[in-house]
Protein backbone atom coordinates (compact mmCIF):
# COMPACT_ATOMS: atom_id res chain seq x y z
CA MET A 1 144.69 -40.01 -111.32
CA VAL A 2 143.45 -42.41 -113.97
CA GLU A 3 146.07 -44.76 -115.41
CA VAL A 4 146.34 -43.58 -119.03
CA GLU A 5 148.28 -45.77 -121.44
CA ASN A 6 147.84 -43.83 -124.69
CA LYS A 7 149.49 -40.51 -125.48
CA ALA A 8 146.57 -39.12 -127.46
CA LEU A 9 147.68 -35.49 -127.00
CA ALA A 10 151.38 -36.08 -127.61
CA ASP A 11 151.53 -33.53 -130.42
CA CYS A 12 149.66 -30.83 -128.47
CA GLN A 13 150.92 -27.85 -126.52
CA PHE A 14 148.76 -26.16 -123.89
CA ILE A 15 148.72 -23.22 -121.50
CA ASP A 16 147.62 -23.45 -117.88
CA LEU A 17 145.71 -20.32 -116.82
CA PHE A 18 144.53 -19.83 -113.21
CA ALA A 19 146.77 -22.84 -112.70
CA GLY A 20 146.30 -23.34 -108.96
CA LEU A 21 148.07 -26.57 -108.06
CA GLY A 22 148.33 -27.70 -111.68
CA GLY A 23 145.40 -30.13 -111.92
CA PHE A 24 144.86 -29.35 -115.61
CA ARG A 25 148.58 -29.81 -116.19
CA LEU A 26 148.66 -33.24 -114.54
CA ALA A 27 145.67 -34.34 -116.63
CA LEU A 28 146.97 -33.18 -120.02
CA GLU A 29 150.56 -34.22 -119.41
CA SER A 30 149.32 -37.73 -118.60
CA LEU A 31 148.13 -37.83 -122.23
CA GLY A 32 151.44 -36.62 -123.58
CA ALA A 33 150.69 -32.89 -124.04
CA SER A 34 153.33 -30.26 -123.24
CA CYS A 35 152.77 -27.13 -121.13
CA VAL A 36 154.30 -23.99 -122.68
CA TYR A 37 152.94 -21.33 -120.28
CA SER A 38 151.34 -21.08 -116.85
CA SER A 39 149.74 -18.29 -114.84
CA GLU A 40 148.66 -18.16 -111.19
CA TRP A 41 148.54 -15.07 -108.96
CA ASP A 42 148.36 -16.76 -105.53
CA LYS A 43 151.85 -16.78 -104.02
CA GLN A 44 151.35 -19.93 -101.93
CA ALA A 45 149.97 -21.87 -104.88
CA GLN A 46 152.87 -20.63 -107.00
CA LYS A 47 155.32 -22.17 -104.53
CA VAL A 48 153.63 -25.57 -104.63
CA TYR A 49 153.35 -25.43 -108.42
CA GLN A 50 157.05 -24.65 -108.77
CA GLU A 51 158.03 -27.45 -106.41
CA ASN A 52 156.09 -29.96 -108.51
CA PHE A 53 156.67 -28.71 -112.06
CA GLY A 54 159.96 -26.86 -111.82
CA GLU A 55 158.61 -23.48 -112.90
CA CYS A 56 156.95 -20.56 -111.18
CA PRO A 57 153.76 -19.49 -112.97
CA ASN A 58 153.45 -15.90 -114.15
CA GLY A 59 151.37 -13.69 -111.87
CA ASP A 60 148.29 -11.57 -112.46
CA ILE A 61 146.86 -12.55 -115.85
CA THR A 62 145.15 -9.17 -116.21
CA GLN A 63 148.62 -7.60 -116.53
CA VAL A 64 149.91 -10.04 -119.16
CA ASP A 65 150.11 -8.98 -122.80
CA GLU A 66 148.27 -11.66 -124.76
CA LYS A 67 150.76 -11.29 -127.61
CA SER A 68 153.56 -12.47 -125.30
CA ILE A 69 151.91 -15.82 -124.61
CA PRO A 70 153.34 -18.70 -126.69
CA ALA A 71 151.32 -20.32 -129.45
CA HIS A 72 149.38 -23.33 -128.18
CA ASP A 73 146.77 -25.91 -129.17
CA ILE A 74 144.73 -26.02 -125.96
CA CYS A 75 143.94 -23.21 -123.53
CA CYS A 76 143.09 -24.56 -120.06
CA ALA A 77 141.36 -22.20 -117.66
CA GLY A 78 139.72 -23.06 -114.36
CA PHE A 79 138.92 -19.40 -113.83
CA PRO A 80 138.00 -18.30 -110.28
CA CYS A 81 134.69 -19.59 -109.02
CA GLN A 82 134.09 -17.37 -105.98
CA ALA A 83 132.01 -14.90 -107.97
CA PHE A 84 129.60 -17.69 -108.95
CA SER A 85 129.71 -19.96 -105.89
CA ILE A 86 126.63 -20.70 -103.80
CA SER A 87 128.74 -19.97 -100.71
CA GLY A 88 129.64 -16.52 -102.07
CA LYS A 89 127.41 -13.56 -102.88
CA MET A 90 126.85 -14.83 -106.44
CA ARG A 91 127.47 -11.43 -108.03
CA GLY A 92 128.96 -13.03 -111.11
CA PHE A 93 130.36 -10.59 -113.66
CA GLU A 94 129.68 -7.70 -111.25
CA ASP A 95 132.51 -9.14 -109.15
CA SER A 96 136.00 -8.35 -110.47
CA ARG A 97 136.90 -12.02 -110.16
CA GLY A 98 134.02 -12.89 -112.47
CA THR A 99 135.36 -10.72 -115.27
CA LEU A 100 138.54 -12.80 -115.45
CA PHE A 101 136.80 -14.92 -118.08
CA PHE A 102 137.29 -12.02 -120.47
CA ASP A 103 141.05 -12.31 -119.98
CA VAL A 104 140.69 -15.86 -121.25
CA ALA A 105 138.68 -14.49 -124.19
CA ARG A 106 141.29 -11.88 -125.16
CA ILE A 107 144.02 -14.54 -125.16
CA VAL A 108 141.85 -16.85 -127.26
CA LYS A 109 141.13 -14.04 -129.71
CA GLU A 110 144.85 -13.37 -130.14
CA LYS A 111 146.26 -16.92 -130.16
CA LYS A 112 143.32 -18.88 -131.66
CA PRO A 113 144.01 -22.26 -130.03
CA LYS A 114 142.28 -25.37 -131.36
CA VAL A 115 140.53 -26.01 -128.04
CA VAL A 116 139.50 -24.02 -124.98
CA PHE A 117 138.94 -26.19 -121.89
CA MET A 118 137.32 -24.49 -118.87
CA GLU A 119 135.91 -25.48 -115.48
CA ASN A 120 133.81 -23.74 -112.85
CA VAL A 121 131.42 -24.42 -109.97
CA ARG A 122 128.06 -26.01 -110.70
CA ASN A 123 126.20 -22.82 -109.85
CA PHE A 124 127.93 -21.10 -112.77
CA ALA A 125 125.52 -22.87 -115.14
CA ARG A 126 122.41 -21.46 -113.47
CA HIS A 127 123.71 -18.12 -112.21
CA ASP A 128 121.48 -15.17 -113.12
CA GLY A 129 118.93 -17.53 -114.66
CA GLY A 130 121.53 -19.02 -116.99
CA ARG A 131 122.46 -15.67 -118.52
CA THR A 132 126.04 -15.79 -117.21
CA LEU A 133 126.70 -19.04 -119.06
CA GLN A 134 125.01 -17.58 -122.15
CA VAL A 135 127.45 -14.66 -122.10
CA VAL A 136 130.38 -17.08 -122.04
CA GLN A 137 128.89 -19.22 -124.79
CA LYS A 138 128.11 -16.27 -127.06
CA THR A 139 131.59 -14.83 -126.50
CA MET A 140 133.21 -18.11 -127.54
CA GLU A 141 130.90 -18.54 -130.52
CA ASP A 142 131.64 -15.00 -131.69
CA LEU A 143 135.33 -15.95 -131.58
CA GLY A 144 134.62 -18.86 -133.93
CA TYR A 145 134.24 -21.75 -131.50
CA ALA A 146 131.66 -24.49 -131.02
CA PHE A 147 130.65 -24.56 -127.36
CA TYR A 148 129.89 -27.67 -125.28
CA TRP A 149 129.11 -27.70 -121.59
CA LYS A 150 127.91 -30.18 -118.98
CA VAL A 151 127.73 -30.54 -115.19
CA LEU A 152 129.65 -33.64 -114.09
CA SER A 153 130.12 -35.12 -110.62
CA ALA A 154 133.39 -36.70 -109.56
CA ARG A 155 131.54 -39.64 -108.01
CA ASP A 156 130.39 -40.72 -111.50
CA TYR A 157 134.00 -40.99 -112.66
CA GLY A 158 135.72 -43.11 -110.04
CA VAL A 159 136.34 -40.51 -107.32
CA PRO A 160 134.20 -40.81 -104.16
CA GLN A 161 133.49 -37.13 -103.63
CA LYS A 162 130.29 -35.18 -104.25
CA ARG A 163 132.02 -32.54 -106.32
CA GLU A 164 129.80 -31.25 -109.11
CA ARG A 165 131.37 -28.85 -111.58
CA VAL A 166 130.47 -27.38 -114.94
CA TYR A 167 132.95 -28.24 -117.66
CA MET A 168 133.13 -26.22 -120.91
CA VAL A 169 134.92 -27.43 -124.03
CA CYS A 170 135.20 -25.22 -127.11
CA PHE A 171 136.53 -26.29 -130.52
CA ARG A 172 137.66 -23.88 -133.21
CA LYS A 173 135.10 -24.53 -135.90
CA ASP A 174 137.31 -24.01 -138.94
CA LEU A 175 139.24 -27.18 -138.04
CA PHE A 176 136.25 -29.35 -138.87
CA SER A 177 134.56 -30.10 -142.17
CA CYS A 178 131.04 -28.91 -142.95
CA ALA A 179 127.98 -31.14 -143.17
CA ASP A 180 125.39 -30.65 -145.91
CA ASP A 181 123.36 -28.38 -143.64
CA GLY A 182 126.37 -26.12 -143.03
CA SER A 183 127.05 -27.37 -139.50
CA ARG A 184 130.49 -28.58 -138.44
CA ARG A 185 131.19 -32.30 -137.96
CA ILE A 186 132.67 -32.27 -134.47
CA ASN A 187 132.85 -35.73 -132.96
CA PHE A 188 132.77 -34.78 -129.28
CA GLU A 189 130.80 -35.95 -126.30
CA PHE A 190 131.52 -35.78 -122.59
CA PRO A 191 132.66 -39.05 -120.96
CA LYS A 192 129.94 -41.45 -119.90
CA PRO A 193 129.52 -42.13 -116.16
CA PHE A 194 130.50 -45.51 -114.71
CA PRO A 195 129.76 -47.28 -111.41
CA LEU A 196 131.74 -46.23 -108.34
CA THR A 197 133.99 -48.98 -106.96
CA ARG A 198 135.95 -47.02 -104.33
CA HIS A 199 134.83 -45.19 -101.22
CA VAL A 200 136.35 -42.82 -98.69
CA GLU A 201 137.94 -45.71 -96.76
CA ASP A 202 140.04 -46.54 -99.83
CA PHE A 203 141.64 -43.07 -99.74
CA LEU A 204 142.57 -42.92 -96.04
CA LEU A 205 146.12 -42.95 -94.73
CA PRO A 206 147.29 -45.65 -92.30
CA GLU A 207 146.88 -44.72 -88.66
CA SER A 208 149.79 -42.57 -87.48
CA ASP A 209 150.61 -39.68 -85.18
CA GLU A 210 149.55 -37.32 -87.98
CA THR A 211 146.11 -38.86 -88.42
CA ARG A 212 145.55 -39.30 -84.68
CA ALA A 213 146.04 -35.55 -84.28
CA LEU A 214 142.98 -35.01 -86.50
CA TYR A 215 140.51 -36.70 -84.15
CA ASP A 216 138.25 -34.34 -82.23
CA GLU A 217 136.28 -35.77 -79.33
CA ARG A 218 135.62 -32.51 -77.49
CA TYR A 219 131.98 -32.59 -78.50
CA PRO A 220 129.61 -35.53 -77.99
CA MET A 221 128.13 -36.95 -81.18
CA ILE A 222 124.39 -37.09 -81.70
CA LEU A 223 123.98 -40.32 -83.65
CA ASN A 224 121.52 -40.95 -86.47
CA PRO A 225 120.14 -44.41 -85.59
CA LYS A 226 118.50 -44.82 -89.01
CA LYS A 227 121.81 -44.73 -90.86
CA LYS A 228 123.76 -47.96 -91.18
CA GLU A 229 127.25 -48.26 -92.57
CA LYS A 230 126.91 -50.08 -95.86
CA TYR A 231 128.62 -49.17 -99.10
CA SER A 232 126.97 -46.35 -100.98
CA SER A 233 127.62 -43.90 -103.83
CA LYS A 234 126.20 -41.16 -101.61
CA ALA A 235 127.48 -39.41 -98.50
CA ILE A 236 126.22 -41.27 -95.39
CA LYS A 237 125.65 -38.89 -92.48
CA LEU A 238 126.01 -40.85 -89.25
CA ALA A 239 126.05 -38.11 -86.62
CA ILE A 240 126.39 -34.44 -85.83
CA VAL A 241 128.26 -32.43 -83.22
CA ASN A 242 127.02 -29.13 -81.81
CA LYS A 243 124.11 -27.97 -83.99
CA GLY A 244 125.10 -29.98 -87.03
CA GLY A 245 126.00 -27.04 -89.22
CA GLN A 246 128.50 -27.14 -92.05
CA GLY A 247 131.71 -28.67 -90.71
CA GLU A 248 129.82 -30.28 -87.81
CA ARG A 249 128.59 -33.43 -89.57
CA VAL A 250 130.11 -36.88 -89.29
CA TYR A 251 129.98 -39.28 -92.25
CA SER A 252 130.73 -42.94 -92.91
CA THR A 253 133.90 -43.88 -94.76
CA LYS A 254 131.84 -46.47 -96.68
CA GLY A 255 130.16 -43.69 -98.62
CA ILE A 256 131.54 -40.75 -100.58
CA ALA A 257 133.09 -37.56 -99.28
CA VAL A 258 131.23 -34.29 -99.16
CA THR A 259 132.60 -31.52 -101.36
CA LEU A 260 135.97 -30.33 -100.14
CA SER A 261 135.85 -26.60 -99.46
CA ALA A 262 138.44 -23.84 -99.42
CA TYR A 263 136.47 -21.95 -96.81
CA GLY A 264 133.99 -22.58 -94.01
CA GLY A 265 134.32 -23.33 -90.31
CA GLY A 266 133.12 -25.87 -87.80
CA VAL A 267 134.87 -28.67 -85.93
CA PHE A 268 135.66 -30.50 -89.19
CA ALA A 269 136.10 -27.41 -91.34
CA LYS A 270 136.80 -27.75 -95.08
CA THR A 271 136.61 -31.57 -95.20
CA GLY A 272 133.68 -32.71 -93.08
CA GLY A 273 134.05 -35.28 -90.31
CA TYR A 274 134.40 -39.04 -90.81
CA LEU A 275 134.01 -41.90 -88.37
CA VAL A 276 137.38 -43.68 -88.39
CA ASN A 277 138.14 -46.43 -85.86
CA GLY A 278 134.96 -45.46 -84.02
CA LYS A 279 136.01 -41.82 -83.55
CA PRO A 280 135.30 -38.68 -85.59
CA ARG A 281 138.05 -36.83 -87.40
CA ARG A 282 138.58 -34.50 -90.33
CA LEU A 283 140.53 -35.60 -93.37
CA HIS A 284 144.29 -35.21 -93.64
CA PRO A 285 145.57 -32.90 -96.45
CA ARG A 286 147.06 -35.94 -98.22
CA GLU A 287 143.67 -37.64 -98.11
CA CYS A 288 142.17 -34.50 -99.64
CA ALA A 289 144.83 -34.65 -102.36
CA ARG A 290 143.84 -38.24 -103.12
CA LEU A 291 140.17 -37.29 -103.31
CA MET A 292 141.11 -34.66 -105.90
CA GLY A 293 143.03 -37.17 -108.02
CA TYR A 294 146.54 -36.01 -107.09
CA PRO A 295 149.10 -38.85 -106.85
CA ASP A 296 150.98 -39.47 -103.62
CA SER A 297 154.14 -38.33 -105.41
CA TYR A 298 152.67 -34.81 -105.61
CA LYS A 299 154.31 -32.49 -103.07
CA ILE A 300 151.71 -30.61 -101.02
CA SER A 301 152.06 -27.48 -98.91
CA LYS A 302 153.66 -28.05 -95.53
CA ARG A 303 151.14 -25.58 -94.08
CA PRO A 304 147.93 -27.58 -93.48
CA ASN A 305 145.57 -24.58 -93.71
CA GLN A 306 147.06 -23.67 -97.07
CA ALA A 307 146.83 -27.27 -98.28
CA TYR A 308 143.15 -27.51 -97.31
CA LYS A 309 142.41 -24.23 -99.06
CA GLN A 310 144.33 -25.19 -102.18
CA PHE A 311 142.67 -28.55 -102.62
CA GLY A 312 139.26 -27.03 -101.86
CA ASN A 313 139.86 -24.66 -104.77
CA SER A 314 141.33 -27.28 -107.08
CA VAL A 315 140.03 -29.51 -109.88
CA VAL A 316 139.50 -33.29 -109.91
CA VAL A 317 142.31 -34.59 -112.09
CA ASP A 318 140.53 -37.84 -113.01
CA VAL A 319 137.55 -36.03 -114.53
CA LEU A 320 139.81 -33.72 -116.52
CA GLN A 321 141.75 -36.71 -117.84
CA LEU A 322 138.60 -38.43 -119.07
CA ILE A 323 137.36 -35.25 -120.77
CA ALA A 324 140.81 -34.74 -122.31
CA VAL A 325 140.62 -38.22 -123.84
CA GLN A 326 137.36 -37.18 -125.51
CA ILE A 327 138.96 -33.94 -126.71
CA ALA A 328 141.78 -35.97 -128.27
CA LYS A 329 139.26 -38.15 -130.12
CA ALA A 330 137.52 -35.07 -131.50
CA LEU A 331 140.80 -33.50 -132.66
CA LYS A 332 141.72 -36.76 -134.39
CA SER A 333 138.55 -36.44 -136.49
CA ALA A 334 139.31 -32.84 -137.48
CA ASN A 335 140.37 -31.85 -141.00
């Protein structure tokens, strides 16, 4: 997480839809906002959320009456990405998981929050030739919101992971004064990138029995002699095992991490392999948590496979924090 001194959202209340592990909640609470409602259908994620925030999120959002949801200023929704992911079948709104956006829309229509803050996989922006994103944008505009979107990578915001996501921020237009041409004066822009100063090695745990158990030397590595270990803002592939498929690549800790995944196989499934102390190993769940911006005080699942899945599905807290700061600036300029 980013160290945030100001409480720019101290007067704001928000809801946490498709809450997962509570990444949106950590980000907005760090700016002083208060969560008044949460929803998450996955039972294992619910348990972790409750352990960290002291409340169990409501279940299936499709079964929730929008009128029962408390009034709020910001609606946060990292709605499921599987329907739009490159690793999935990319069926989009044809997939039942893809239509969950419209549950966000019906809540927005009823409660009319000041801001709607959404996140999805990068492929969401170009799915179906961009028409999927256009549907979302038109829906929000028809509800009276100005729509901003941009693809941001975690590595441009202090986190050494190649995790590119599309972020969507919507402001209720009637909050802002009109310019002479009839447009609304909304002072919002996404945060500007800054140079990376940390790399995977800065997120690793000290050597212990737990980390030693992650080494896998069953398969000989085929080294890439052209790659040298020097600091980089890219992933540095040093070697492969087996055929070098997904989960069979070994990277330098002086570069960035590959995208953490909830699914996928291979020797170093879900995290990729990294050369640590001269030997290849996958990342520990706590290291994954760090690479997603979760503080060490955050309690993770005691079941490693669940923890890997949950962080692979999660959001990068640091990026959300920086966007939330920009949202706060825009709200300050409202009527």
